[in-house]
N, C-alpha and C. Protein backbone atom coordinates (compact mmCIF):
# COMPACT_ATOMS: atom_id res chain seq x y z
N UNK A 1 -33.29 272.07 -124.15
CA UNK A 1 -35.05 271.97 -124.85
C UNK A 1 -34.94 270.41 -124.26
N UNK A 2 -36.37 270.09 -123.41
CA UNK A 2 -36.20 268.98 -123.35
C UNK A 2 -36.96 267.88 -124.02
N UNK A 3 -35.89 267.05 -124.58
CA UNK A 3 -36.40 265.83 -125.90
C UNK A 3 -36.18 266.49 -127.30
N UNK A 4 -35.16 267.74 -127.22
CA UNK A 4 -35.42 268.44 -128.50
C UNK A 4 -35.30 267.44 -129.51
N UNK A 5 -34.29 266.62 -129.39
CA UNK A 5 -33.85 265.67 -130.72
C UNK A 5 -34.52 264.23 -130.43
N UNK A 6 -35.20 264.13 -129.87
CA UNK A 6 -35.58 262.61 -129.13
C UNK A 6 -37.08 261.92 -130.68
N UNK A 7 -37.10 263.14 -131.54
CA UNK A 7 -37.94 262.15 -131.97
C UNK A 7 -37.17 262.37 -133.38
N UNK A 8 -36.29 263.10 -133.44
CA UNK A 8 -35.21 262.66 -134.82
C UNK A 8 -33.96 261.88 -134.73
N UNK A 9 -33.54 261.33 -133.44
CA UNK A 9 -32.44 260.12 -133.09
C UNK A 9 -32.84 259.19 -132.26
N UNK A 10 -33.87 258.95 -131.66
CA UNK A 10 -34.71 258.13 -131.12
C UNK A 10 -36.14 257.63 -131.36
N UNK A 11 -35.81 256.17 -130.92
CA UNK A 11 -37.79 255.65 -131.01
C UNK A 11 -37.29 254.22 -131.49
N UNK A 12 -36.16 253.74 -132.15
CA UNK A 12 -35.60 252.19 -132.02
C UNK A 12 -36.90 252.23 -133.54
N UNK A 13 -37.27 250.55 -132.95
CA UNK A 13 -38.39 250.22 -134.06
C UNK A 13 -39.32 250.67 -133.72
N UNK A 14 -40.17 251.52 -132.68
CA UNK A 14 -41.05 252.24 -133.24
C UNK A 14 -41.24 252.99 -134.00
N UNK A 15 -39.93 253.81 -134.57
CA UNK A 15 -40.42 255.33 -134.86
C UNK A 15 -40.25 254.86 -136.43
N UNK A 16 -41.05 255.89 -136.76
CA UNK A 16 -41.40 255.68 -138.15
C UNK A 16 -41.88 257.01 -138.74
N UNK A 17 -40.94 257.36 -139.92
CA UNK A 17 -41.24 258.90 -140.98
C UNK A 17 -42.54 258.81 -141.93
N UNK A 18 -43.58 259.25 -141.24
CA UNK A 18 -44.96 258.90 -142.35
C UNK A 18 -44.63 260.15 -143.25
N UNK A 19 -43.79 261.46 -143.13
CA UNK A 19 -43.90 262.33 -144.33
C UNK A 19 -42.14 262.53 -144.70
N UNK A 20 -42.22 263.25 -145.85
CA UNK A 20 -41.34 264.01 -146.69
C UNK A 20 -41.42 265.01 -147.02
N UNK A 21 -39.99 265.57 -146.13
CA UNK A 21 -40.03 267.41 -146.58
C UNK A 21 -39.21 267.80 -148.18
N UNK A 22 -40.51 268.03 -148.60
CA UNK A 22 -39.79 268.94 -150.11
C UNK A 22 -39.73 270.41 -149.63
N UNK A 23 -40.42 270.77 -148.97
CA UNK A 23 -40.34 272.29 -149.36
C UNK A 23 -40.39 272.98 -147.91
N UNK A 24 -39.91 273.87 -147.63
CA UNK A 24 -39.88 274.57 -146.07
C UNK A 24 -41.48 274.65 -145.53
N UNK A 25 -42.64 275.00 -146.80
CA UNK A 25 -44.17 275.07 -146.58
C UNK A 25 -44.66 274.19 -145.88
N UNK A 26 -43.63 272.35 -146.06
CA UNK A 26 -44.39 271.13 -145.22
C UNK A 26 -44.27 271.01 -144.55
N UNK A 27 -43.27 272.13 -143.45
CA UNK A 27 -42.81 271.39 -142.67
C UNK A 27 -44.10 272.16 -141.42
N UNK A 28 -44.43 271.37 -140.19
CA UNK A 28 -45.38 271.11 -139.19
C UNK A 28 -44.66 271.07 -137.88
N UNK A 29 -45.29 271.49 -136.60
CA UNK A 29 -44.80 271.31 -135.45
C UNK A 29 -44.36 270.31 -135.35
N UNK A 30 -42.91 270.01 -134.55
CA UNK A 30 -42.24 268.85 -133.84
C UNK A 30 -41.22 268.79 -135.23
N UNK A 31 -41.50 269.47 -136.62
CA UNK A 31 -40.44 269.11 -137.38
C UNK A 31 -39.20 269.45 -137.26
N UNK A 32 -37.77 268.98 -137.73
CA UNK A 32 -36.65 269.75 -137.69
C UNK A 32 -36.22 270.26 -138.67
N UNK A 33 -35.41 271.57 -138.93
CA UNK A 33 -35.09 272.52 -139.75
C UNK A 33 -33.41 272.56 -139.36
N UNK A 34 -32.68 272.01 -140.21
CA UNK A 34 -30.80 272.71 -140.22
C UNK A 34 -31.02 273.64 -141.50
N UNK A 35 -30.23 274.77 -140.98
CA UNK A 35 -29.84 275.82 -141.88
C UNK A 35 -28.05 275.50 -142.34
N UNK A 36 -27.85 275.86 -143.31
CA UNK A 36 -26.16 276.06 -143.60
C UNK A 36 -25.94 277.36 -143.08
N UNK A 37 -24.29 277.07 -143.75
CA UNK A 37 -23.35 278.23 -142.89
C UNK A 37 -23.41 279.83 -143.68
N UNK A 38 -24.37 280.23 -142.75
CA UNK A 38 -25.03 281.95 -143.00
C UNK A 38 -24.34 282.67 -142.17
N UNK A 39 -24.44 284.08 -142.76
CA UNK A 39 -23.63 285.13 -141.96
C UNK A 39 -24.11 285.62 -140.32
N UNK A 40 -25.47 285.07 -140.20
CA UNK A 40 -26.24 285.43 -138.79
C UNK A 40 -25.60 284.12 -137.94
N UNK A 41 -24.67 284.45 -136.84
CA UNK A 41 -24.06 283.19 -136.51
C UNK A 41 -25.49 281.73 -135.27
N UNK A 42 -26.30 282.58 -135.30
CA UNK A 42 -27.57 281.92 -134.36
C UNK A 42 -28.38 281.60 -135.11
N UNK A 43 -27.74 281.04 -136.40
CA UNK A 43 -28.45 280.47 -137.67
C UNK A 43 -27.59 279.73 -138.55
N UNK A 44 -26.92 280.10 -138.40
CA UNK A 44 -25.34 279.01 -139.16
C UNK A 44 -25.07 277.51 -138.79
N UNK A 45 -25.38 277.06 -139.49
CA UNK A 45 -25.65 275.40 -139.32
C UNK A 45 -26.36 274.71 -138.15
N UNK A 46 -27.09 276.08 -137.75
CA UNK A 46 -27.89 275.46 -136.23
C UNK A 46 -29.53 274.59 -136.83
N UNK A 47 -29.68 273.71 -135.92
CA UNK A 47 -30.75 273.01 -135.91
C UNK A 47 -31.64 273.31 -135.31
N UNK A 48 -33.45 273.63 -135.54
CA UNK A 48 -34.61 274.02 -134.95
C UNK A 48 -35.43 273.46 -134.62
N UNK A 49 -36.31 273.08 -134.07
CA UNK A 49 -37.49 272.56 -133.77
C UNK A 49 -38.83 273.40 -134.09
N UNK A 50 -39.46 272.99 -135.35
CA UNK A 50 -40.92 273.97 -135.19
C UNK A 50 -41.71 274.13 -134.04
N UNK A 51 -41.61 274.97 -133.47
CA UNK A 51 -42.13 275.06 -131.99
C UNK A 51 -43.95 275.72 -132.30
N UNK A 52 -43.93 276.30 -133.28
CA UNK A 52 -45.28 276.56 -133.73
C UNK A 52 -45.20 277.13 -134.73
N UNK A 53 -46.99 276.92 -134.95
CA UNK A 53 -46.94 277.65 -136.65
C UNK A 53 -48.69 278.55 -136.13
N UNK A 54 -48.25 280.07 -136.89
CA UNK A 54 -49.30 281.36 -136.63
C UNK A 54 -49.60 281.34 -138.01
N UNK A 55 -50.26 282.52 -138.01
CA UNK A 55 -50.97 282.94 -139.38
C UNK A 55 -50.57 284.48 -140.05
N UNK A 56 -50.29 285.09 -140.36
CA UNK A 56 -50.92 286.11 -141.44
C UNK A 56 -51.92 286.50 -142.35
N UNK A 57 -52.40 287.20 -142.11
CA UNK A 57 -53.39 287.27 -143.26
C UNK A 57 -53.46 289.38 -143.79
N UNK A 58 -53.13 288.75 -145.40
CA UNK A 58 -53.40 289.97 -145.95
C UNK A 58 -54.15 289.68 -147.19
N UNK A 59 -54.94 290.51 -147.20
CA UNK A 59 -56.06 290.33 -148.39
C UNK A 59 -56.46 288.90 -148.76
N UNK A 60 -57.04 288.42 -147.62
CA UNK A 60 -57.70 287.59 -147.40
C UNK A 60 -56.90 285.88 -147.73
N UNK A 61 -55.53 286.26 -147.81
CA UNK A 61 -54.85 285.19 -148.29
C UNK A 61 -54.12 284.73 -147.01
N UNK A 62 -53.79 283.80 -146.47
CA UNK A 62 -52.87 282.96 -145.37
C UNK A 62 -51.52 282.93 -145.67
N UNK A 63 -50.85 283.18 -144.57
CA UNK A 63 -49.38 283.72 -144.95
C UNK A 63 -48.93 282.72 -143.45
N UNK A 64 -48.33 281.54 -143.79
CA UNK A 64 -47.88 280.57 -141.86
C UNK A 64 -46.50 281.44 -141.71
N UNK A 65 -46.60 281.59 -140.46
CA UNK A 65 -45.79 281.72 -139.68
C UNK A 65 -44.94 280.63 -138.73
N UNK A 66 -43.88 280.28 -139.09
CA UNK A 66 -43.12 279.14 -138.19
C UNK A 66 -41.94 279.39 -136.96
N UNK A 67 -42.58 278.99 -136.25
CA UNK A 67 -41.97 279.49 -134.75
C UNK A 67 -40.76 278.55 -134.69
N UNK A 68 -39.55 278.99 -134.77
CA UNK A 68 -38.44 278.04 -134.61
C UNK A 68 -37.44 278.15 -133.37
N UNK A 69 -37.42 277.15 -132.56
CA UNK A 69 -36.84 277.25 -131.19
C UNK A 69 -35.40 276.13 -131.21
N UNK A 70 -34.60 276.15 -131.27
CA UNK A 70 -33.24 275.70 -131.01
C UNK A 70 -32.99 275.40 -129.67
N UNK A 71 -31.91 274.20 -128.95
CA UNK A 71 -32.15 273.76 -127.88
C UNK A 71 -31.76 274.68 -126.77
N UNK A 72 -31.44 276.20 -127.25
CA UNK A 72 -30.88 277.18 -125.95
C UNK A 72 -32.01 278.26 -125.94
N UNK A 73 -33.14 277.75 -126.33
CA UNK A 73 -34.59 278.34 -126.39
C UNK A 73 -34.28 279.65 -127.27
N UNK A 74 -33.46 280.01 -127.88
CA UNK A 74 -33.39 281.08 -129.08
C UNK A 74 -34.58 280.57 -129.99
N UNK A 75 -35.82 282.15 -130.16
CA UNK A 75 -36.53 281.91 -130.92
C UNK A 75 -36.45 282.56 -132.64
N UNK A 76 -36.57 282.00 -133.84
CA UNK A 76 -36.69 282.45 -134.72
C UNK A 76 -37.98 282.69 -135.45
N UNK A 77 -38.07 283.66 -136.57
CA UNK A 77 -39.85 283.42 -137.20
C UNK A 77 -39.09 283.50 -138.40
N UNK A 78 -40.06 282.31 -139.28
CA UNK A 78 -39.79 281.75 -140.92
C UNK A 78 -40.88 282.03 -141.08
N UNK A 79 -40.76 282.68 -142.50
CA UNK A 79 -41.82 282.54 -143.64
C UNK A 79 -41.34 282.79 -144.81
N UNK A 80 -42.54 281.88 -145.65
CA UNK A 80 -41.73 281.76 -146.88
C UNK A 80 -42.59 283.07 -147.95
N UNK A 81 -41.71 283.76 -148.57
CA UNK A 81 -42.45 284.98 -149.28
C UNK A 81 -41.95 284.88 -151.14
N UNK A 82 -42.22 285.45 -152.03
CA UNK A 82 -42.42 285.74 -153.24
C UNK A 82 -42.30 286.90 -153.64
N UNK A 83 -41.52 286.84 -155.12
CA UNK A 83 -41.40 288.03 -155.60
C UNK A 83 -40.68 287.55 -157.15
N UNK A 84 -41.64 288.45 -158.14
CA UNK A 84 -41.57 288.12 -159.37
C UNK A 84 -41.50 286.40 -159.50
N UNK A 85 -42.17 285.68 -159.00
CA UNK A 85 -42.46 284.33 -159.30
C UNK A 85 -40.89 283.34 -158.77
N UNK A 86 -40.24 284.00 -157.82
CA UNK A 86 -39.30 283.90 -157.04
C UNK A 86 -39.43 283.30 -155.60
N UNK A 87 -39.27 282.59 -154.74
CA UNK A 87 -39.66 281.71 -153.29
C UNK A 87 -38.32 282.34 -152.67
N UNK A 88 -38.34 282.67 -151.65
CA UNK A 88 -36.79 282.58 -150.57
C UNK A 88 -37.65 282.66 -149.17
N UNK A 89 -36.63 282.52 -148.11
CA UNK A 89 -36.83 283.14 -146.58
C UNK A 89 -36.83 284.22 -146.31
N UNK A 90 -37.84 284.25 -145.50
CA UNK A 90 -37.71 285.56 -144.79
C UNK A 90 -37.64 285.06 -143.04
N UNK A 91 -36.28 285.26 -142.42
CA UNK A 91 -36.06 285.34 -140.85
C UNK A 91 -35.74 285.97 -140.10
N UNK A 92 -37.16 286.03 -138.84
CA UNK A 92 -36.63 287.35 -138.06
C UNK A 92 -36.60 286.74 -137.11
N UNK A 93 -35.82 288.26 -136.54
CA UNK A 93 -36.57 288.05 -134.65
C UNK A 93 -37.35 289.36 -134.31
N UNK A 94 -37.82 289.14 -133.02
CA UNK A 94 -38.65 290.51 -132.80
C UNK A 94 -37.68 290.98 -131.70
N UNK A 95 -37.51 292.52 -131.87
CA UNK A 95 -36.87 293.45 -131.01
C UNK A 95 -37.68 293.55 -129.73
N UNK A 96 -37.14 293.41 -128.69
CA UNK A 96 -37.49 293.88 -127.21
C UNK A 96 -38.22 294.73 -127.56
N UNK A 97 -39.14 294.81 -126.54
CA UNK A 97 -40.42 296.77 -126.68
C UNK A 97 -39.08 297.73 -125.88
N UNK A 98 -38.36 297.16 -125.11
CA UNK A 98 -37.83 298.10 -124.62
C UNK A 98 -36.41 298.31 -125.02
N UNK A 99 -35.95 297.96 -126.83
CA UNK A 99 -35.35 298.21 -127.53
C UNK A 99 -35.28 298.69 -128.68
N UNK A 100 -36.69 298.75 -128.82
CA UNK A 100 -37.23 299.32 -129.85
C UNK A 100 -36.47 300.73 -130.51
N UNK A 101 -36.23 301.55 -129.44
CA UNK A 101 -35.84 302.99 -129.86
C UNK A 101 -34.25 302.60 -129.91
N UNK A 102 -33.91 301.99 -129.35
CA UNK A 102 -32.46 301.68 -129.66
C UNK A 102 -32.10 301.10 -131.06
N UNK A 103 -33.15 300.97 -131.56
CA UNK A 103 -32.93 300.31 -133.41
C UNK A 103 -33.35 301.45 -134.18
N UNK A 104 -34.63 302.13 -134.02
CA UNK A 104 -35.03 303.25 -134.60
C UNK A 104 -35.23 304.46 -134.17
N UNK A 105 -35.15 305.76 -133.73
CA UNK A 105 -35.37 306.38 -133.03
C UNK A 105 -36.71 307.13 -132.89
N UNK A 106 -37.25 307.43 -132.18
CA UNK A 106 -38.34 308.21 -132.21
C UNK A 106 -38.93 309.05 -133.44
N UNK A 107 -38.34 309.66 -133.56
CA UNK A 107 -38.15 310.59 -134.70
C UNK A 107 -38.41 310.04 -135.85
N UNK A 108 -37.11 309.24 -136.41
CA UNK A 108 -37.66 308.16 -137.71
C UNK A 108 -38.73 307.70 -137.60
N UNK A 109 -39.18 307.10 -136.36
CA UNK A 109 -40.34 306.19 -136.40
C UNK A 109 -41.69 307.23 -136.76
N UNK A 110 -41.73 308.13 -136.19
CA UNK A 110 -42.85 309.14 -136.37
C UNK A 110 -42.91 309.56 -138.02
N UNK A 111 -41.53 309.90 -138.58
CA UNK A 111 -41.39 310.08 -140.17
C UNK A 111 -42.08 308.72 -141.30
N UNK A 112 -41.60 307.42 -140.38
CA UNK A 112 -42.48 306.53 -141.53
C UNK A 112 -43.54 306.05 -141.51
N UNK A 113 -44.26 307.02 -140.52
CA UNK A 113 -45.39 306.95 -140.02
C UNK A 113 -46.32 308.06 -140.74
N UNK A 114 -45.73 309.25 -141.04
CA UNK A 114 -46.27 309.93 -141.25
C UNK A 114 -45.71 310.42 -143.06
N UNK A 115 -45.09 310.34 -143.45
CA UNK A 115 -44.35 310.40 -144.91
C UNK A 115 -44.71 309.32 -145.82
N UNK A 116 -44.58 308.21 -145.49
CA UNK A 116 -44.76 306.91 -146.19
C UNK A 116 -43.56 306.35 -146.83
N UNK A 117 -43.78 306.00 -148.10
CA UNK A 117 -42.97 305.40 -149.11
C UNK A 117 -41.89 306.47 -149.77
N UNK A 118 -40.62 305.79 -149.44
CA UNK A 118 -39.44 306.43 -149.48
C UNK A 118 -38.76 306.73 -148.66
N UNK A 119 -39.88 307.55 -147.31
CA UNK A 119 -38.32 307.34 -146.08
C UNK A 119 -37.49 306.66 -145.57
N UNK A 120 -36.40 307.47 -145.85
CA UNK A 120 -35.08 306.65 -145.27
C UNK A 120 -34.99 306.98 -143.48
N UNK A 121 -34.08 305.98 -143.29
CA UNK A 121 -33.80 305.93 -141.63
C UNK A 121 -32.48 305.46 -141.30
N UNK A 122 -31.62 306.10 -140.19
CA UNK A 122 -30.74 305.49 -140.39
C UNK A 122 -30.73 304.31 -139.27
N UNK A 123 -30.08 303.39 -138.31
CA UNK A 123 -30.39 302.61 -137.64
C UNK A 123 -29.37 303.39 -136.34
N UNK A 124 -30.00 303.68 -135.13
CA UNK A 124 -29.83 303.75 -133.98
C UNK A 124 -28.54 303.06 -133.82
N UNK A 125 -28.38 302.19 -133.11
CA UNK A 125 -27.36 301.57 -132.50
C UNK A 125 -28.26 299.96 -132.82
N UNK A 126 -27.20 298.82 -132.91
CA UNK A 126 -27.31 297.49 -132.87
C UNK A 126 -27.42 296.74 -131.57
N UNK A 127 -28.47 296.08 -130.82
CA UNK A 127 -28.26 295.90 -129.38
C UNK A 127 -27.67 294.77 -129.83
N UNK A 128 -27.11 294.24 -128.26
CA UNK A 128 -26.80 292.52 -128.34
C UNK A 128 -27.41 291.75 -129.08
N UNK A 129 -26.96 290.82 -129.53
CA UNK A 129 -27.40 289.50 -130.63
C UNK A 129 -28.17 290.18 -131.50
N UNK A 130 -28.41 291.57 -132.08
CA UNK A 130 -29.14 291.78 -133.44
C UNK A 130 -28.26 292.16 -134.39
N UNK A 131 -26.39 292.53 -134.42
CA UNK A 131 -25.31 293.20 -134.57
C UNK A 131 -25.28 292.41 -136.48
N UNK A 132 -25.51 291.09 -136.06
CA UNK A 132 -25.71 290.66 -137.76
C UNK A 132 -27.17 290.36 -138.45
N UNK A 133 -27.51 291.26 -137.72
CA UNK A 133 -29.23 290.92 -138.53
C UNK A 133 -29.83 292.52 -139.05
N UNK A 134 -29.32 293.54 -138.70
CA UNK A 134 -29.33 294.69 -139.25
C UNK A 134 -27.67 295.36 -140.08
N UNK A 135 -28.37 295.96 -140.21
CA UNK A 135 -27.65 297.41 -141.62
C UNK A 135 -27.66 298.22 -140.63
N UNK A 136 -27.05 299.92 -141.98
CA UNK A 136 -26.95 300.86 -140.98
C UNK A 136 -27.90 301.78 -141.63
N UNK A 137 -28.64 301.08 -143.16
CA UNK A 137 -29.89 302.18 -143.74
C UNK A 137 -30.65 301.77 -144.11
N UNK A 138 -31.87 302.18 -144.09
CA UNK A 138 -33.32 301.38 -144.84
C UNK A 138 -33.61 302.53 -145.32
N UNK A 139 -34.45 301.91 -146.18
CA UNK A 139 -35.79 302.80 -146.91
C UNK A 139 -36.88 302.18 -146.71
N UNK A 140 -38.17 302.90 -147.05
CA UNK A 140 -39.53 302.59 -146.84
C UNK A 140 -40.18 302.27 -147.97
N UNK A 141 -40.35 301.11 -148.06
CA UNK A 141 -41.14 300.34 -149.41
C UNK A 141 -42.12 300.24 -149.37
N UNK A 142 -42.87 299.60 -148.08
CA UNK A 142 -44.33 299.20 -148.34
C UNK A 142 -44.98 300.13 -146.89
N UNK A 143 -45.94 300.90 -147.70
CA UNK A 143 -46.48 301.66 -146.02
C UNK A 143 -48.05 301.12 -145.96
N UNK A 144 -48.48 301.33 -144.62
CA UNK A 144 -50.07 301.25 -143.92
C UNK A 144 -50.42 300.12 -144.89
N UNK A 145 -49.96 298.86 -144.51
CA UNK A 145 -50.54 298.17 -145.12
C UNK A 145 -50.99 297.20 -144.05
N UNK A 146 -52.55 296.65 -144.39
CA UNK A 146 -53.39 296.31 -143.34
C UNK A 146 -53.17 294.66 -143.71
N UNK A 147 -53.27 294.50 -142.14
CA UNK A 147 -53.14 292.46 -141.73
C UNK A 147 -53.67 292.29 -140.66
N UNK A 148 -53.43 291.11 -140.29
CA UNK A 148 -53.95 290.57 -139.19
C UNK A 148 -53.28 289.23 -138.87
N UNK A 149 -53.00 289.00 -137.51
CA UNK A 149 -52.70 287.94 -137.14
C UNK A 149 -53.83 286.91 -136.57
N UNK A 150 -53.06 285.73 -136.23
CA UNK A 150 -54.00 285.03 -136.11
C UNK A 150 -53.22 283.74 -135.08
N UNK A 151 -52.97 283.68 -134.09
CA UNK A 151 -52.69 282.54 -133.08
C UNK A 151 -52.72 281.21 -133.65
N UNK A 152 -52.21 280.66 -133.74
CA UNK A 152 -51.95 279.39 -135.11
C UNK A 152 -51.90 279.10 -136.60
N UNK A 153 -52.17 277.47 -137.08
CA UNK A 153 -52.20 277.18 -137.99
C UNK A 153 -53.75 278.10 -138.69
N UNK A 154 -54.10 278.10 -139.58
CA UNK A 154 -55.10 278.82 -140.14
C UNK A 154 -55.69 277.45 -140.98
N UNK A 155 -54.37 276.68 -141.40
CA UNK A 155 -54.98 275.42 -141.95
C UNK A 155 -55.35 274.30 -141.28
N UNK A 156 -54.99 274.62 -140.05
CA UNK A 156 -56.09 273.36 -138.88
C UNK A 156 -57.12 274.46 -138.01
N UNK A 157 -57.01 275.60 -137.80
CA UNK A 157 -57.70 276.27 -136.92
C UNK A 157 -59.58 275.90 -137.41
N UNK A 158 -60.75 276.02 -136.63
CA UNK A 158 -61.84 276.13 -137.14
C UNK A 158 -62.20 277.66 -137.43
N UNK A 159 -63.20 277.76 -137.61
CA UNK A 159 -63.75 278.91 -138.50
C UNK A 159 -64.04 279.74 -137.38
N UNK A 160 -64.22 279.24 -136.23
CA UNK A 160 -64.16 280.28 -134.96
C UNK A 160 -62.95 280.73 -134.55
N UNK A 161 -62.38 279.94 -134.80
CA UNK A 161 -60.85 280.19 -134.03
C UNK A 161 -59.74 281.24 -134.96
N UNK A 162 -60.66 281.11 -136.47
CA UNK A 162 -59.77 281.50 -137.73
C UNK A 162 -60.09 283.06 -137.53
N UNK A 163 -61.54 283.29 -136.91
CA UNK A 163 -61.82 284.88 -136.84
C UNK A 163 -61.32 285.53 -135.63
N UNK A 164 -60.62 284.99 -134.82
CA UNK A 164 -59.36 285.86 -133.77
C UNK A 164 -59.05 286.26 -134.22
N UNK A 165 -59.03 287.29 -135.03
CA UNK A 165 -57.47 287.86 -135.53
C UNK A 165 -57.57 289.39 -135.08
N UNK A 166 -56.15 289.71 -134.68
CA UNK A 166 -55.59 290.84 -134.43
C UNK A 166 -54.80 292.14 -135.20
N UNK A 167 -55.95 292.71 -135.77
CA UNK A 167 -56.02 293.88 -136.87
C UNK A 167 -54.60 294.44 -136.82
N UNK A 168 -53.56 295.03 -137.59
CA UNK A 168 -53.04 295.89 -137.35
C UNK A 168 -52.25 296.67 -138.75
N UNK A 169 -51.74 297.66 -139.06
CA UNK A 169 -51.15 298.26 -140.22
C UNK A 169 -49.34 297.86 -140.10
N UNK A 170 -48.76 297.41 -141.37
CA UNK A 170 -47.61 297.36 -141.21
C UNK A 170 -46.71 298.12 -142.01
N UNK A 171 -45.70 298.23 -141.86
CA UNK A 171 -44.72 299.52 -142.58
C UNK A 171 -43.20 298.55 -142.37
N UNK A 172 -42.93 298.40 -143.93
CA UNK A 172 -41.23 297.93 -144.46
C UNK A 172 -40.40 298.39 -144.51
N UNK A 173 -39.23 298.33 -144.45
CA UNK A 173 -38.30 299.22 -144.56
C UNK A 173 -37.12 298.18 -145.15
N UNK A 174 -36.32 298.51 -146.02
CA UNK A 174 -35.56 297.59 -146.76
C UNK A 174 -34.34 298.31 -147.03
N UNK A 175 -33.21 297.83 -146.95
CA UNK A 175 -31.81 297.88 -147.29
C UNK A 175 -31.49 297.97 -148.69
N UNK A 176 -30.73 298.43 -149.10
CA UNK A 176 -29.82 298.75 -150.93
C UNK A 176 -30.14 297.66 -151.33
N UNK A 177 -29.47 296.48 -150.03
CA UNK A 177 -29.31 294.80 -150.82
C UNK A 177 -30.28 294.57 -151.11
N UNK A 178 -31.09 294.58 -150.69
CA UNK A 178 -32.95 293.83 -150.69
C UNK A 178 -32.52 292.50 -149.48
N UNK A 179 -31.30 292.78 -148.83
CA UNK A 179 -30.97 291.17 -147.97
C UNK A 179 -31.40 291.52 -146.67
N UNK A 180 -31.97 292.64 -146.16
CA UNK A 180 -32.16 292.86 -144.73
C UNK A 180 -33.16 293.86 -144.54
N UNK A 181 -34.52 293.74 -143.71
CA UNK A 181 -35.55 294.83 -143.84
C UNK A 181 -36.00 295.09 -141.83
N UNK A 182 -36.89 296.18 -141.86
CA UNK A 182 -37.33 296.16 -140.34
C UNK A 182 -38.71 295.95 -140.87
N UNK A 183 -39.61 295.54 -139.90
CA UNK A 183 -41.18 295.52 -140.20
C UNK A 183 -42.04 295.72 -139.16
N UNK A 184 -42.47 296.56 -139.06
CA UNK A 184 -43.09 297.65 -138.29
C UNK A 184 -44.76 297.56 -138.20
N UNK A 185 -44.90 296.84 -136.96
CA UNK A 185 -46.50 296.27 -137.28
C UNK A 185 -47.20 297.57 -136.31
N UNK A 186 -48.56 298.18 -136.19
CA UNK A 186 -48.65 298.85 -135.18
C UNK A 186 -50.17 298.15 -135.32
N UNK A 187 -50.57 297.65 -134.10
CA UNK A 187 -51.81 297.14 -133.85
C UNK A 187 -53.03 297.96 -133.35
N UNK A 188 -54.12 297.53 -133.36
CA UNK A 188 -55.55 298.38 -132.81
C UNK A 188 -55.76 298.92 -131.82
N UNK A 189 -54.71 297.98 -130.77
CA UNK A 189 -54.64 298.53 -129.28
C UNK A 189 -53.69 299.88 -129.10
N UNK A 190 -52.80 300.06 -130.13
CA UNK A 190 -51.43 301.24 -130.32
C UNK A 190 -50.39 300.15 -130.02
N UNK A 191 -50.28 298.81 -129.43
CA UNK A 191 -48.83 298.24 -129.50
C UNK A 191 -47.86 298.05 -130.62
N UNK A 192 -46.97 298.42 -130.61
CA UNK A 192 -45.71 298.46 -131.62
C UNK A 192 -44.80 297.23 -131.44
N UNK A 193 -44.97 296.23 -132.88
CA UNK A 193 -44.05 295.39 -132.77
C UNK A 193 -42.92 295.52 -133.78
N UNK A 194 -41.34 295.30 -133.67
CA UNK A 194 -40.23 295.83 -134.42
C UNK A 194 -39.91 294.32 -135.05
N UNK A 195 -39.75 294.37 -136.21
CA UNK A 195 -38.97 292.82 -136.14
C UNK A 195 -37.47 293.02 -137.34
N UNK A 196 -36.37 292.50 -136.74
CA UNK A 196 -35.35 292.76 -137.65
C UNK A 196 -35.47 291.24 -138.52
N UNK A 197 -35.17 291.50 -140.02
CA UNK A 197 -35.23 290.56 -141.08
C UNK A 197 -34.27 289.80 -141.96
N UNK A 198 -34.08 288.91 -142.44
CA UNK A 198 -32.80 288.72 -143.32
C UNK A 198 -33.25 288.09 -144.52
N UNK A 199 -33.38 288.11 -145.40
CA UNK A 199 -33.72 287.63 -146.34
C UNK A 199 -32.46 286.39 -147.19
N UNK A 200 -33.12 285.32 -146.91
CA UNK A 200 -32.09 284.11 -147.71
C UNK A 200 -32.78 283.18 -148.67
N UNK A 201 -31.61 282.68 -149.41
CA UNK A 201 -32.23 281.42 -150.25
C UNK A 201 -33.13 280.21 -149.66
N UNK A 202 -34.15 279.67 -150.22
CA UNK A 202 -34.64 278.55 -150.05
C UNK A 202 -33.51 277.46 -149.60
N UNK A 203 -32.55 277.09 -150.84
CA UNK A 203 -31.48 276.52 -150.78
C UNK A 203 -30.23 276.85 -149.69
N UNK A 204 -30.68 277.93 -148.81
CA UNK A 204 -29.83 278.16 -147.75
C UNK A 204 -30.54 277.17 -146.57
N UNK A 205 -31.43 276.08 -146.87
CA UNK A 205 -31.54 274.94 -145.62
C UNK A 205 -30.83 274.07 -146.31
N UNK A 206 -30.36 273.23 -144.95
CA UNK A 206 -29.54 272.44 -145.42
C UNK A 206 -30.11 270.51 -145.48
N UNK A 207 -30.95 270.89 -144.39
CA UNK A 207 -31.51 269.61 -144.24
C UNK A 207 -32.89 270.02 -143.27
N UNK A 208 -33.76 268.96 -143.48
CA UNK A 208 -35.39 269.13 -142.91
C UNK A 208 -35.48 267.94 -142.48
N UNK A 209 -35.96 267.64 -141.17
CA UNK A 209 -36.51 266.30 -140.94
C UNK A 209 -37.90 266.14 -139.98
N UNK A 210 -38.57 265.29 -140.61
CA UNK A 210 -39.91 265.39 -140.08
C UNK A 210 -40.03 264.32 -139.21
N UNK A 211 -40.74 264.72 -137.80
CA UNK A 211 -41.23 264.45 -136.68
C UNK A 211 -41.59 262.96 -136.21
N UNK A 212 -41.03 261.71 -135.71
CA UNK A 212 -40.57 261.02 -135.83
C UNK A 212 -42.24 260.46 -134.92
N UNK A 213 -42.95 259.62 -135.56
CA UNK A 213 -44.01 259.19 -134.90
C UNK A 213 -44.26 257.79 -133.94
N UNK A 214 -44.06 257.69 -133.01
CA UNK A 214 -43.97 255.99 -132.60
C UNK A 214 -45.06 255.70 -132.55
N UNK A 215 -45.66 253.90 -133.11
CA UNK A 215 -46.38 252.89 -132.89
C UNK A 215 -46.87 253.05 -131.49
N UNK A 216 -48.36 252.79 -130.99
CA UNK A 216 -48.39 252.44 -130.21
C UNK A 216 -49.52 250.96 -130.54
């Protein structure tokens, strides 16, 4: 990626750090994040730039989704989630449309949509590049959750831009260790998106650097 670390290491006397990053929610486009050693080799000790920030809307609340990109152009999605007062990282990769049925069979996909919470599925296969992002069995924990997707960071969008929402219904399946998830989004257009997700502690972030801005 052109200029991936130019803001991080370049700039000489002109470069200045305007912000200090204390939490992943502080990250903005252009910032750099590095993970510690993780099971997923494409995350482990790797540095990513925040390429874009989009927003998911559930129940009137906005949840930023950070689009992270490494030097090779690999993309990972990051959200900060919370349960019982504890925050954690949800790191996801989107499954290519042609590979969705390789991960979850049509029969299991139909069962998830029809039976609801408690439905159990087995992963049909693990496509190349997703082996460390998937486990063998999942159980549906959230059924028919209504949400919307907004392209862009709602914290900075105009009211008109914020109204351009793509509505969907989601189904979430989690493994017995609560470390892996499958997230299925079914949009009003009929389009289906499948994400494979792994959960990590916030402490699994090794370091964060803000983008450096040159004086002019």
